[in-house]
Amino acid sequence: MARRLARLLIAALLVTSLLPAFAQADGDPASDVLLGANVFYPYTPSVALAVQRKLNAETVAAKRAGLPIKVALIASPVDLGVIPSVFGKPQMYANFLDKEISFEGAQPLLVVMAAGYGVQGIKAPASLALQGLPKPAGKSSTDLALAAITAVAKLAAASQHRITGTAGAASSKSSGAGSTTPIVIGLGLAAVLVASALIVLRRRQATRPARHR
């Protein structure tokens, strides 16, 4: 029995170790992943976990707002499977990927590479919002994810599906100021009320002895 369990364990470990290789050998890895997930992340180097959480939250918020967008981060030709020739050509890859994941109508899609952005399933006026957006700050997987957070927010706003309370929405100056201003105003009013109450209390204490006399 012990030998059988050991063999099963070894077999399971071998299968697990081969999974990344199978995924990388797939014709188009992102098309498989995006059928069940909102974001395709590069195999290596991996995106920082905190940034993954922010981007995941961004896509969830966008879906709630009416824009069920899919995001593909492509950091190297390996992420493209058997079509590495489109690396560095985000719009060309977006055109290809769209055919792989769109089944029941247009599927909003954002592709992010170090070279820039590609979109599909989004109306022209909204997609134009990315033209003024700078390219990712670097070539790392995390740089691509950070750029995607901002891009998703811009696409959502331009599509009249504005999202709030997420990293991308707070990245702009206007939204950032809007989120902090109410807090500052609230604290200021609270300070004024406390000061006024102290003044009234002191005046009452100062006048009490005179009344008793």
C-alpha atoms as a PDB file:
ATOM      1  CA  MET A   1       0.000   0.000   0.000  1.00  0.00           C
ATOM      2  CA  ALA A   2       2.809   2.391   0.886  1.00  0.00           C
ATOM      3  CA  ARG A   3       4.516   1.730  -2.458  1.00  0.00           C
ATOM      4  CA  ARG A   4       1.301   2.400  -4.368  1.00  0.00           C
ATOM      5  CA  LEU A   5       0.781   5.688  -2.562  1.00  0.00           C
ATOM      6  CA  ALA A   6       4.370   6.654  -3.288  1.00  0.00           C
ATOM      7  CA  ARG A   7       3.922   5.894  -6.985  1.00  0.00           C
ATOM      8  CA  LEU A   8       0.702   7.890  -7.147  1.00  0.00           C
ATOM      9  CA  LEU A   9       2.401  10.817  -5.452  1.00  0.00           C
ATOM     10  CA  ILE A  10       5.327  10.726  -7.871  1.00  0.00           C
ATOM     11  CA  ALA A  11       2.942  10.559 -10.832  1.00  0.00           C
ATOM     12  CA  ALA A  12       0.980  13.530  -9.509  1.00  0.00           C
ATOM     13  CA  LEU A  13       4.153  15.550  -9.066  1.00  0.00           C
ATOM     14  CA  LEU A  14       5.261  14.761 -12.601  1.00  0.00           C
ATOM     15  CA  VAL A  15       1.930  15.844 -14.043  1.00  0.00           C
ATOM     16  CA  THR A  16       2.019  19.064 -12.026  1.00  0.00           C
ATOM     17  CA  SER A  17       5.537  19.857 -13.191  1.00  0.00           C
ATOM     18  CA  LEU A  18       4.524  19.374 -16.816  1.00  0.00           C
ATOM     19  CA  LEU A  19       1.461  21.629 -16.700  1.00  0.00           C
ATOM     20  CA  PRO A  20       3.370  24.879 -17.435  1.00  0.00           C
ATOM     21  CA  ALA A  21       5.061  23.206 -20.400  1.00  0.00           C
ATOM     22  CA  PHE A  22       1.720  22.023 -21.757  1.00  0.00           C
ATOM     23  CA  ALA A  23       0.261  25.507 -21.343  1.00  0.00           C
ATOM     24  CA  GLN A  24       3.205  27.152 -23.099  1.00  0.00           C
ATOM     25  CA  ALA A  25       2.973  24.642 -25.939  1.00  0.00           C
ATOM     26  CA  ASP A  26      -0.701  25.509 -26.481  1.00  0.00           C
ATOM     27  CA  GLY A  27      -1.597  27.216 -29.734  1.00  0.00           C
ATOM     28  CA  ASP A  28      -2.799  30.359 -27.967  1.00  0.00           C
ATOM     29  CA  PRO A  29      -2.562  30.187 -24.147  1.00  0.00           C
ATOM     30  CA  ALA A  30      -4.468  33.425 -23.533  1.00  0.00           C
ATOM     31  CA  SER A  31      -7.525  32.215 -25.430  1.00  0.00           C
ATOM     32  CA  ASP A  32      -7.854  29.233 -23.099  1.00  0.00           C
ATOM     33  CA  VAL A  33      -7.308  31.221 -19.915  1.00  0.00           C
ATOM     34  CA  LEU A  34      -9.691  34.036 -20.840  1.00  0.00           C
ATOM     35  CA  LEU A  35     -12.574  31.649 -21.363  1.00  0.00           C
ATOM     36  CA  GLY A  36     -12.824  31.354 -17.584  1.00  0.00           C
ATOM     37  CA  ALA A  37     -10.830  34.314 -16.236  1.00  0.00           C
ATOM     38  CA  ASN A  38     -10.817  38.057 -16.787  1.00  0.00           C
ATOM     39  CA  VAL A  39      -7.039  38.424 -17.062  1.00  0.00           C
ATOM     40  CA  PHE A  40      -4.275  36.440 -18.738  1.00  0.00           C
ATOM     41  CA  TYR A  41      -1.003  36.946 -16.862  1.00  0.00           C
ATOM     42  CA  PRO A  42       2.449  36.242 -18.338  1.00  0.00           C
ATOM     43  CA  TYR A  43       4.033  32.958 -17.298  1.00  0.00           C
ATOM     44  CA  THR A  44       7.347  34.527 -16.365  1.00  0.00           C
ATOM     45  CA  PRO A  45       8.256  36.787 -14.770  1.00  0.00           C
ATOM     46  CA  SER A  46       5.094  36.740 -12.711  1.00  0.00           C
ATOM     47  CA  VAL A  47       3.132  39.860 -11.843  1.00  0.00           C
ATOM     48  CA  ALA A  48       3.398  41.083  -8.260  1.00  0.00           C
ATOM     49  CA  LEU A  49       0.535  39.591  -6.263  1.00  0.00           C
ATOM     50  CA  ALA A  50      -0.686  42.967  -4.984  1.00  0.00           C
ATOM     51  CA  VAL A  51      -0.887  44.294  -8.542  1.00  0.00           C
ATOM     52  CA  GLN A  52      -2.725  41.163  -9.681  1.00  0.00           C
ATOM     53  CA  ARG A  53      -5.345  41.775  -7.026  1.00  0.00           C
ATOM     54  CA  LYS A  54      -5.794  45.381  -8.150  1.00  0.00           C
ATOM     55  CA  LEU A  55      -6.186  44.452 -11.802  1.00  0.00           C
ATOM     56  CA  ASN A  56      -8.582  41.618 -10.976  1.00  0.00           C
ATOM     57  CA  ALA A  57     -10.664  44.019  -8.888  1.00  0.00           C
ATOM     58  CA  GLU A  58     -10.594  46.531 -11.744  1.00  0.00           C
ATOM     59  CA  THR A  59     -12.046  44.063 -14.238  1.00  0.00           C
ATOM     60  CA  VAL A  60     -14.697  42.929 -11.753  1.00  0.00           C
ATOM     61  CA  ALA A  61     -15.706  46.542 -11.148  1.00  0.00           C
ATOM     62  CA  ALA A  62     -15.807  47.189 -14.889  1.00  0.00           C
ATOM     63  CA  LYS A  63     -18.110  44.206 -15.386  1.00  0.00           C
ATOM     64  CA  ARG A  64     -20.431  45.461 -12.645  1.00  0.00           C
ATOM     65  CA  ALA A  65     -20.514  48.809 -14.421  1.00  0.00           C
ATOM     66  CA  GLY A  66     -21.545  47.147 -17.683  1.00  0.00           C
ATOM     67  CA  LEU A  67     -18.179  46.522 -19.382  1.00  0.00           C
ATOM     68  CA  PRO A  68     -17.213  42.825 -19.080  1.00  0.00           C
ATOM     69  CA  ILE A  69     -13.693  43.352 -20.387  1.00  0.00           C
ATOM     70  CA  LYS A  70     -10.995  40.697 -20.816  1.00  0.00           C
ATOM     71  CA  VAL A  71      -7.313  41.625 -20.490  1.00  0.00           C
ATOM     72  CA  ALA A  72      -4.301  39.858 -21.987  1.00  0.00           C
ATOM     73  CA  LEU A  73      -0.832  40.834 -20.751  1.00  0.00           C
ATOM     74  CA  ILE A  74       1.874  39.736 -23.181  1.00  0.00           C
ATOM     75  CA  ALA A  75       5.410  40.119 -21.827  1.00  0.00           C
ATOM     76  CA  SER A  76       7.313  37.830 -24.217  1.00  0.00           C
ATOM     77  CA  PRO A  77       6.821  35.720 -27.366  1.00  0.00           C
ATOM     78  CA  VAL A  78       6.352  32.683 -25.101  1.00  0.00           C
ATOM     79  CA  ASP A  79       2.984  34.096 -23.996  1.00  0.00           C
ATOM     80  CA  LEU A  80       1.784  33.867 -27.610  1.00  0.00           C
ATOM     81  CA  GLY A  81       2.220  30.132 -27.999  1.00  0.00           C
ATOM     82  CA  VAL A  82       2.614  29.192 -31.658  1.00  0.00           C
ATOM     83  CA  ILE A  83       2.162  32.741 -33.001  1.00  0.00           C
ATOM     84  CA  PRO A  84       5.223  34.595 -31.609  1.00  0.00           C
ATOM     85  CA  SER A  85       5.395  36.603 -34.828  1.00  0.00           C
ATOM     86  CA  VAL A  86       2.766  39.050 -33.499  1.00  0.00           C
ATOM     87  CA  PHE A  87       4.850  39.958 -30.456  1.00  0.00           C
ATOM     88  CA  GLY A  88       5.221  43.729 -30.317  1.00  0.00           C
ATOM     89  CA  LYS A  89       2.027  44.117 -32.385  1.00  0.00           C
ATOM     90  CA  PRO A  90      -0.749  44.435 -29.790  1.00  0.00           C
ATOM     91  CA  GLN A  91      -3.533  45.394 -32.176  1.00  0.00           C
ATOM     92  CA  MET A  92      -2.767  42.536 -34.547  1.00  0.00           C
ATOM     93  CA  TYR A  93      -2.853  40.098 -31.667  1.00  0.00           C
ATOM     94  CA  ALA A  94      -6.088  41.621 -30.345  1.00  0.00           C
ATOM     95  CA  ASN A  95      -7.674  40.981 -33.742  1.00  0.00           C
ATOM     96  CA  PHE A  96      -6.580  37.345 -33.575  1.00  0.00           C
ATOM     97  CA  LEU A  97      -7.517  36.770 -29.930  1.00  0.00           C
ATOM     98  CA  ASP A  98     -10.946  38.308 -30.451  1.00  0.00           C
ATOM     99  CA  LYS A  99     -11.861  35.498 -32.852  1.00  0.00           C
ATOM    100  CA  GLU A 100     -10.806  32.929 -30.257  1.00  0.00           C
ATOM    101  CA  ILE A 101     -12.901  34.216 -27.348  1.00  0.00           C
ATOM    102  CA  SER A 102     -15.917  35.930 -28.958  1.00  0.00           C
ATOM    103  CA  PHE A 103     -18.828  33.545 -29.366  1.00  0.00           C
ATOM    104  CA  GLU A 104     -22.072  35.323 -28.459  1.00  0.00           C
ATOM    105  CA  GLY A 105     -21.407  38.807 -29.731  1.00  0.00           C
ATOM    106  CA  ALA A 106     -18.631  41.316 -29.246  1.00  0.00           C
ATOM    107  CA  GLN A 107     -16.325  40.623 -26.325  1.00  0.00           C
ATOM    108  CA  PRO A 108     -14.581  43.741 -24.949  1.00  0.00           C
ATOM    109  CA  LEU A 109     -10.861  42.961 -25.032  1.00  0.00           C
ATOM    110  CA  LEU A 110      -7.679  44.779 -24.067  1.00  0.00           C
ATOM    111  CA  VAL A 111      -4.199  43.545 -25.025  1.00  0.00           C
ATOM    112  CA  VAL A 112      -1.203  45.129 -23.309  1.00  0.00           C
ATOM    113  CA  MET A 113       2.380  44.792 -24.508  1.00  0.00           C
ATOM    114  CA  ALA A 114       5.427  46.945 -23.895  1.00  0.00           C
ATOM    115  CA  ALA A 115       4.820  48.318 -27.410  1.00  0.00           C
ATOM    116  CA  GLY A 116       1.357  49.600 -26.481  1.00  0.00           C
ATOM    117  CA  TYR A 117      -2.282  48.533 -26.540  1.00  0.00           C
ATOM    118  CA  GLY A 118      -4.729  46.662 -28.723  1.00  0.00           C
ATOM    119  CA  VAL A 119      -8.508  46.594 -28.346  1.00  0.00           C
ATOM    120  CA  GLN A 120     -11.464  44.736 -29.760  1.00  0.00           C
ATOM    121  CA  GLY A 121     -15.184  44.631 -29.007  1.00  0.00           C
ATOM    122  CA  ILE A 122     -15.177  48.298 -27.975  1.00  0.00           C
ATOM    123  CA  LYS A 123     -16.767  51.053 -30.036  1.00  0.00           C
ATOM    124  CA  ALA A 124     -14.424  53.390 -31.870  1.00  0.00           C
ATOM    125  CA  PRO A 125     -15.089  56.553 -29.805  1.00  0.00           C
ATOM    126  CA  ALA A 126     -14.144  54.699 -26.621  1.00  0.00           C
ATOM    127  CA  SER A 127     -11.106  52.945 -28.074  1.00  0.00           C
ATOM    128  CA  LEU A 128      -9.728  56.333 -29.124  1.00  0.00           C
ATOM    129  CA  ALA A 129      -9.277  57.102 -25.423  1.00  0.00           C
ATOM    130  CA  LEU A 130      -6.167  54.916 -25.426  1.00  0.00           C
ATOM    131  CA  GLN A 131      -4.414  56.933 -28.108  1.00  0.00           C
ATOM    132  CA  GLY A 132      -3.283  59.536 -25.619  1.00  0.00           C
ATOM    133  CA  LEU A 133      -2.333  56.962 -22.996  1.00  0.00           C
ATOM    134  CA  PRO A 134       1.442  56.487 -22.611  1.00  0.00           C
ATOM    135  CA  LYS A 135       2.944  53.068 -23.164  1.00  0.00           C
ATOM    136  CA  PRO A 136       3.732  50.932 -20.110  1.00  0.00           C
ATOM    137  CA  ALA A 137       6.558  52.397 -18.037  1.00  0.00           C
ATOM    138  CA  GLY A 138       8.669  49.259 -18.536  1.00  0.00           C
ATOM    139  CA  LYS A 139       8.754  45.816 -20.096  1.00  0.00           C
ATOM    140  CA  SER A 140       8.219  43.732 -16.963  1.00  0.00           C
ATOM    141  CA  SER A 141       4.998  41.824 -16.376  1.00  0.00           C
ATOM    142  CA  THR A 142       4.158  44.087 -13.437  1.00  0.00           C
ATOM    143  CA  ASP A 143       4.648  47.191 -15.604  1.00  0.00           C
ATOM    144  CA  LEU A 144       2.150  45.796 -18.094  1.00  0.00           C
ATOM    145  CA  ALA A 145      -0.372  45.056 -15.337  1.00  0.00           C
ATOM    146  CA  LEU A 146      -0.074  48.567 -13.898  1.00  0.00           C
ATOM    147  CA  ALA A 147      -0.644  50.050 -17.340  1.00  0.00           C
ATOM    148  CA  ALA A 148      -3.672  47.796 -17.799  1.00  0.00           C
ATOM    149  CA  ILE A 149      -5.247  49.078 -14.574  1.00  0.00           C
ATOM    150  CA  THR A 150      -5.211  52.630 -15.921  1.00  0.00           C
ATOM    151  CA  ALA A 151      -6.263  51.556 -19.417  1.00  0.00           C
ATOM    152  CA  VAL A 152      -9.312  49.626 -18.200  1.00  0.00           C
ATOM    153  CA  ALA A 153     -10.490  52.641 -16.210  1.00  0.00           C
ATOM    154  CA  LYS A 154     -10.121  54.916 -19.230  1.00  0.00           C
ATOM    155  CA  LEU A 155     -11.938  52.516 -21.526  1.00  0.00           C
ATOM    156  CA  ALA A 156     -14.758  52.145 -19.028  1.00  0.00           C
ATOM    157  CA  ALA A 157     -15.153  55.900 -18.627  1.00  0.00           C
ATOM    158  CA  ALA A 158     -15.057  56.487 -22.388  1.00  0.00           C
ATOM    159  CA  SER A 159     -17.687  53.755 -22.859  1.00  0.00           C
ATOM    160  CA  GLN A 160     -20.020  55.469 -20.366  1.00  0.00           C
ATOM    161  CA  HIS A 161     -19.407  52.690 -17.841  1.00  0.00           C
ATOM    162  CA  ARG A 162     -17.440  54.717 -15.328  1.00  0.00           C
ATOM    163  CA  ILE A 163     -16.082  52.708 -12.415  1.00  0.00           C
ATOM    164  CA  THR A 164     -15.189  53.968  -8.941  1.00  0.00           C
ATOM    165  CA  GLY A 165     -13.396  52.755  -5.848  1.00  0.00           C
ATOM    166  CA  THR A 166     -10.602  50.919  -7.678  1.00  0.00           C
ATOM    167  CA  ALA A 167      -6.916  51.533  -8.303  1.00  0.00           C
ATOM    168  CA  GLY A 168      -7.431  52.589 -11.912  1.00  0.00           C
ATOM    169  CA  ALA A 169     -10.207  55.021 -11.082  1.00  0.00           C
ATOM    170  CA  ALA A 170      -8.092  56.572  -8.328  1.00  0.00           C
ATOM    171  CA  SER A 171      -5.017  56.919 -10.531  1.00  0.00           C
ATOM    172  CA  SER A 172      -6.230  60.087 -12.236  1.00  0.00           C
ATOM    173  CA  LYS A 173      -5.742  63.444 -10.534  1.00  0.00           C
ATOM    174  CA  SER A 174      -9.420  64.345 -10.567  1.00  0.00           C
ATOM    175  CA  SER A 175     -10.610  61.093  -9.017  1.00  0.00           C
ATOM    176  CA  GLY A 176      -7.814  61.115  -6.498  1.00  0.00           C
ATOM    177  CA  ALA A 177      -8.681  64.614  -5.366  1.00  0.00           C
ATOM    178  CA  GLY A 178     -12.350  63.751  -5.247  1.00  0.00           C
ATOM    179  CA  SER A 179     -11.703  60.796  -2.951  1.00  0.00           C
ATOM    180  CA  THR A 180      -9.683  62.751  -0.390  1.00  0.00           C
ATOM    181  CA  THR A 181     -11.484  66.100  -0.404  1.00  0.00           C
ATOM    182  CA  PRO A 182     -14.637  64.914   1.434  1.00  0.00           C
ATOM    183  CA  ILE A 183     -12.476  63.403   4.169  1.00  0.00           C
ATOM    184  CA  VAL A 184     -10.508  66.617   4.633  1.00  0.00           C
ATOM    185  CA  ILE A 185     -13.692  68.701   4.705  1.00  0.00           C
ATOM    186  CA  GLY A 186     -15.285  66.329   7.206  1.00  0.00           C
ATOM    187  CA  LEU A 187     -12.280  66.501   9.525  1.00  0.00           C
ATOM    188  CA  GLY A 188     -12.259  70.291   9.286  1.00  0.00           C
ATOM    189  CA  LEU A 189     -15.940  70.551  10.222  1.00  0.00           C
ATOM    190  CA  ALA A 190     -15.436  68.154  13.102  1.00  0.00           C
ATOM    191  CA  ALA A 191     -12.555  70.272  14.411  1.00  0.00           C
ATOM    192  CA  VAL A 192     -14.685  73.445  14.204  1.00  0.00           C
ATOM    193  CA  LEU A 193     -17.564  71.796  16.083  1.00  0.00           C
ATOM    194  CA  VAL A 194     -15.255  70.534  18.838  1.00  0.00           C
ATOM    195  CA  ALA A 195     -13.643  73.969  19.216  1.00  0.00           C
ATOM    196  CA  SER A 196     -17.052  75.647  19.358  1.00  0.00           C
ATOM    197  CA  ALA A 197     -18.260  73.216  22.005  1.00  0.00           C
ATOM    198  CA  LEU A 198     -15.176  73.853  24.151  1.00  0.00           C
ATOM    199  CA  ILE A 199     -15.673  77.636  23.928  1.00  0.00           C
ATOM    200  CA  VAL A 200     -19.326  77.339  24.969  1.00  0.00           C
ATOM    201  CA  LEU A 201     -18.412  75.025  27.856  1.00  0.00           C
ATOM    202  CA  ARG A 202     -15.721  77.373  29.135  1.00  0.00           C
ATOM    203  CA  ARG A 203     -18.066  80.354  29.000  1.00  0.00           C
ATOM    204  CA  ARG A 204     -20.681  78.470  30.997  1.00  0.00           C
ATOM    205  CA  GLN A 205     -18.115  77.449  33.603  1.00  0.00           C
ATOM    206  CA  ALA A 206     -16.894  81.038  33.827  1.00  0.00           C
ATOM    207  CA  THR A 207     -20.395  82.430  34.418  1.00  0.00           C
ATOM    208  CA  ARG A 208     -21.581  79.871  37.000  1.00  0.00           C
ATOM    209  CA  PRO A 209     -19.725  81.341  40.062  1.00  0.00           C
ATOM    210  CA  ALA A 210     -21.082  84.821  39.305  1.00  0.00           C
ATOM    211  CA  ARG A 211     -24.666  83.506  39.347  1.00  0.00           C
ATOM    212  CA  HIS A 212     -24.206  81.790  42.734  1.00  0.00           C
ATOM    213  CA  ARG A 213     -22.911  85.027  44.258  1.00  0.00           C
END
